[in-house]
Amino acid sequence: MSEPCQTIKAPEKNSAVESLSVPVSLLEKMAEAAWALEAFEDELEDYLLSQNAAFVARMRQARAHHVEGEARTLDALKHELCL
């Protein structure tokens, strides 16, 4: 018994292949790999930021301002930045 397939159509009319049948299990593996790559990128970015002393100092300063009630509302920030 053959595996169920998904037909993928090419976005352009002049492409060499107008459609292609791909096994669903292969599409699921591609989706799983894409999610894993995205999770890896997020974790790598977090790690790199955590190793940046200037960034960590700015985040600590921002947190201290927030705790002390010195934070501005989003509307105030938008107004200040003319957004």
N, C-alpha and C. Protein backbone atom coordinates (compact mmCIF):
# COMPACT_ATOMS: atom_id res chain seq x y z
N MET A 1 0.85 -1.17 0.00
CA MET A 1 0.00 0.00 0.00
C MET A 1 0.90 1.24 0.00
N SER A 2 0.62 2.17 -0.89
CA SER A 2 1.45 3.37 -0.99
C SER A 2 1.03 4.40 0.06
N GLU A 3 1.99 5.23 0.39
CA GLU A 3 1.78 6.26 1.40
C GLU A 3 0.98 7.41 0.80
N PRO A 4 0.11 8.09 1.60
CA PRO A 4 -0.63 9.24 1.08
C PRO A 4 0.34 10.35 0.65
N CYS A 5 -0.02 11.03 -0.42
CA CYS A 5 0.83 12.09 -0.95
C CYS A 5 0.09 13.41 -0.96
N GLN A 6 0.85 14.47 -0.95
CA GLN A 6 0.34 15.83 -1.04
C GLN A 6 0.87 16.39 -2.36
N THR A 7 0.01 17.00 -3.16
CA THR A 7 0.46 17.60 -4.41
C THR A 7 0.82 19.05 -4.16
N ILE A 8 2.01 19.42 -4.60
CA ILE A 8 2.48 20.80 -4.45
C ILE A 8 2.56 21.40 -5.83
N LYS A 9 1.91 22.54 -6.03
CA LYS A 9 1.93 23.22 -7.33
C LYS A 9 2.97 24.31 -7.34
N ALA A 10 3.65 24.45 -8.46
CA ALA A 10 4.67 25.49 -8.62
C ALA A 10 4.00 26.85 -8.72
N PRO A 11 4.59 27.90 -8.13
CA PRO A 11 3.98 29.22 -8.16
C PRO A 11 4.05 29.89 -9.53
N GLU A 12 4.98 29.48 -10.37
CA GLU A 12 5.15 30.13 -11.67
C GLU A 12 4.72 29.18 -12.79
N LYS A 13 4.14 29.75 -13.84
CA LYS A 13 3.69 28.93 -14.97
C LYS A 13 4.86 28.37 -15.77
N ASN A 14 5.96 29.08 -15.83
CA ASN A 14 7.08 28.66 -16.66
C ASN A 14 8.09 27.79 -15.92
N SER A 15 7.72 27.23 -14.79
CA SER A 15 8.67 26.40 -14.06
C SER A 15 8.81 25.06 -14.77
N ALA A 16 9.91 24.38 -14.53
CA ALA A 16 10.17 23.10 -15.17
C ALA A 16 9.15 22.05 -14.75
N VAL A 17 8.68 22.12 -13.50
CA VAL A 17 7.70 21.17 -12.98
C VAL A 17 6.50 21.96 -12.49
N GLU A 18 5.32 21.62 -13.00
CA GLU A 18 4.12 22.35 -12.58
C GLU A 18 3.55 21.82 -11.27
N SER A 19 3.70 20.54 -11.00
CA SER A 19 3.26 19.98 -9.73
C SER A 19 4.11 18.76 -9.41
N LEU A 20 4.12 18.44 -8.12
CA LEU A 20 4.95 17.35 -7.65
C LEU A 20 4.23 16.68 -6.50
N SER A 21 4.17 15.36 -6.51
CA SER A 21 3.56 14.63 -5.40
C SER A 21 4.66 14.24 -4.42
N VAL A 22 4.44 14.60 -3.16
CA VAL A 22 5.42 14.35 -2.12
C VAL A 22 4.72 13.56 -1.01
N PRO A 23 5.35 12.50 -0.51
CA PRO A 23 4.72 11.75 0.59
C PRO A 23 4.48 12.65 1.79
N VAL A 24 3.33 12.48 2.43
CA VAL A 24 2.96 13.28 3.58
C VAL A 24 4.00 13.13 4.69
N SER A 25 4.53 11.93 4.88
CA SER A 25 5.52 11.72 5.94
C SER A 25 6.76 12.58 5.71
N LEU A 26 7.13 12.79 4.46
CA LEU A 26 8.28 13.65 4.15
C LEU A 26 7.97 15.11 4.48
N LEU A 27 6.76 15.55 4.16
CA LEU A 27 6.35 16.92 4.50
C LEU A 27 6.33 17.11 6.01
N GLU A 28 5.87 16.09 6.73
CA GLU A 28 5.85 16.18 8.19
C GLU A 28 7.26 16.27 8.75
N LYS A 29 8.20 15.51 8.18
CA LYS A 29 9.60 15.58 8.62
C LYS A 29 10.19 16.95 8.32
N MET A 30 9.85 17.53 7.16
CA MET A 30 10.33 18.87 6.82
C MET A 30 9.80 19.89 7.82
N ALA A 31 8.52 19.78 8.17
CA ALA A 31 7.92 20.70 9.13
C ALA A 31 8.59 20.55 10.49
N GLU A 32 8.85 19.31 10.91
CA GLU A 32 9.51 19.06 12.19
C GLU A 32 10.92 19.66 12.20
N ALA A 33 11.64 19.51 11.09
CA ALA A 33 12.99 20.08 10.99
C ALA A 33 12.94 21.60 11.03
N ALA A 34 11.93 22.20 10.39
CA ALA A 34 11.80 23.66 10.40
C ALA A 34 11.53 24.16 11.81
N TRP A 35 10.66 23.46 12.56
CA TRP A 35 10.38 23.86 13.94
C TRP A 35 11.63 23.72 14.80
N ALA A 36 12.39 22.64 14.59
CA ALA A 36 13.62 22.43 15.37
C ALA A 36 14.63 23.52 15.07
N LEU A 37 14.75 23.92 13.81
CA LEU A 37 15.69 24.98 13.45
C LEU A 37 15.26 26.30 14.09
N GLU A 38 13.97 26.59 14.08
CA GLU A 38 13.48 27.82 14.69
C GLU A 38 13.76 27.83 16.19
N ALA A 39 13.54 26.70 16.85
CA ALA A 39 13.81 26.61 18.29
C ALA A 39 15.30 26.79 18.56
N PHE A 40 16.15 26.20 17.72
CA PHE A 40 17.60 26.35 17.85
C PHE A 40 18.01 27.80 17.71
N GLU A 41 17.47 28.48 16.68
CA GLU A 41 17.80 29.90 16.47
C GLU A 41 17.41 30.75 17.67
N ASP A 42 16.23 30.48 18.24
CA ASP A 42 15.77 31.23 19.42
C ASP A 42 16.71 31.01 20.60
N GLU A 43 17.09 29.76 20.83
CA GLU A 43 17.98 29.46 21.96
C GLU A 43 19.36 30.04 21.74
N LEU A 44 19.86 29.99 20.51
CA LEU A 44 21.18 30.55 20.21
C LEU A 44 21.17 32.06 20.43
N GLU A 45 20.10 32.74 19.97
CA GLU A 45 19.99 34.18 20.17
C GLU A 45 19.97 34.52 21.66
N ASP A 46 19.18 33.77 22.44
CA ASP A 46 19.13 34.00 23.89
C ASP A 46 20.51 33.82 24.51
N TYR A 47 21.21 32.77 24.11
CA TYR A 47 22.54 32.52 24.66
C TYR A 47 23.50 33.66 24.31
N LEU A 48 23.50 34.05 23.04
CA LEU A 48 24.43 35.11 22.62
C LEU A 48 24.14 36.42 23.34
N LEU A 49 22.85 36.75 23.51
CA LEU A 49 22.50 37.97 24.24
C LEU A 49 22.92 37.87 25.70
N SER A 50 22.79 36.69 26.29
CA SER A 50 23.16 36.53 27.70
C SER A 50 24.67 36.66 27.91
N GLN A 51 25.45 36.50 26.86
CA GLN A 51 26.90 36.62 26.95
C GLN A 51 27.38 38.04 26.65
N ASN A 52 26.46 38.93 26.25
CA ASN A 52 26.80 40.30 25.91
C ASN A 52 26.61 41.17 27.16
N ALA A 53 27.74 41.56 27.77
CA ALA A 53 27.69 42.30 29.04
C ALA A 53 26.92 43.61 28.92
N ALA A 54 27.10 44.33 27.82
CA ALA A 54 26.40 45.61 27.64
C ALA A 54 24.89 45.40 27.57
N PHE A 55 24.46 44.36 26.86
CA PHE A 55 23.03 44.07 26.75
C PHE A 55 22.45 43.70 28.11
N VAL A 56 23.15 42.84 28.84
CA VAL A 56 22.67 42.41 30.16
C VAL A 56 22.56 43.61 31.10
N ALA A 57 23.55 44.51 31.05
CA ALA A 57 23.50 45.71 31.90
C ALA A 57 22.31 46.58 31.55
N ARG A 58 22.03 46.75 30.26
CA ARG A 58 20.87 47.56 29.85
C ARG A 58 19.56 46.91 30.29
N MET A 59 19.46 45.59 30.22
CA MET A 59 18.24 44.90 30.64
C MET A 59 18.06 45.02 32.16
N ARG A 60 19.16 44.94 32.91
CA ARG A 60 19.06 45.11 34.37
C ARG A 60 18.62 46.53 34.72
N GLN A 61 19.16 47.50 33.99
CA GLN A 61 18.79 48.89 34.23
C GLN A 61 17.31 49.11 33.90
N ALA A 62 16.87 48.55 32.78
CA ALA A 62 15.47 48.68 32.39
C ALA A 62 14.55 48.03 33.42
N ARG A 63 14.95 46.86 33.93
CA ARG A 63 14.15 46.17 34.95
C ARG A 63 14.09 47.01 36.23
N ALA A 64 15.20 47.60 36.62
CA ALA A 64 15.22 48.44 37.83
C ALA A 64 14.29 49.64 37.66
N HIS A 65 14.31 50.27 36.50
CA HIS A 65 13.41 51.40 36.23
C HIS A 65 11.96 50.95 36.31
N HIS A 66 11.68 49.78 35.77
CA HIS A 66 10.31 49.27 35.78
C HIS A 66 9.84 49.01 37.22
N VAL A 67 10.69 48.37 38.02
CA VAL A 67 10.34 48.07 39.41
C VAL A 67 10.12 49.35 40.21
N GLU A 68 10.89 50.38 39.90
CA GLU A 68 10.76 51.66 40.60
C GLU A 68 9.60 52.50 40.08
N GLY A 69 8.87 51.99 39.09
CA GLY A 69 7.72 52.70 38.56
C GLY A 69 8.08 53.78 37.57
N GLU A 70 9.27 53.73 37.02
CA GLU A 70 9.73 54.75 36.08
C GLU A 70 9.47 54.38 34.62
N ALA A 71 8.79 53.29 34.40
CA ALA A 71 8.52 52.85 33.03
C ALA A 71 7.41 53.71 32.41
N ARG A 72 7.51 53.91 31.10
CA ARG A 72 6.48 54.65 30.37
C ARG A 72 5.49 53.66 29.76
N THR A 73 4.30 54.13 29.53
CA THR A 73 3.31 53.29 28.86
C THR A 73 3.66 53.21 27.38
N LEU A 74 3.11 52.20 26.71
CA LEU A 74 3.35 52.05 25.28
C LEU A 74 2.81 53.25 24.53
N ASP A 75 1.66 53.76 24.92
CA ASP A 75 1.10 54.94 24.25
C ASP A 75 2.02 56.15 24.40
N ALA A 76 2.60 56.33 25.58
CA ALA A 76 3.51 57.46 25.78
C ALA A 76 4.76 57.30 24.91
N LEU A 77 5.27 56.09 24.83
CA LEU A 77 6.45 55.83 24.00
C LEU A 77 6.15 56.08 22.53
N LYS A 78 4.98 55.61 22.07
CA LYS A 78 4.58 55.84 20.68
C LYS A 78 4.48 57.32 20.39
N HIS A 79 3.90 58.07 21.32
CA HIS A 79 3.75 59.51 21.15
C HIS A 79 5.13 60.17 21.08
N GLU A 80 6.03 59.77 21.97
CA GLU A 80 7.37 60.33 21.99
C GLU A 80 8.14 60.04 20.69
N LEU A 81 7.91 58.85 20.12
CA LEU A 81 8.59 58.45 18.89
C LEU A 81 7.81 58.83 17.62
N CYS A 82 6.70 59.52 17.81
CA CYS A 82 5.84 59.96 16.69
C CYS A 82 5.36 58.78 15.85
N LEU A 83 4.92 57.74 16.51
CA LEU A 83 4.40 56.57 15.80
C LEU A 83 2.90 56.57 15.82
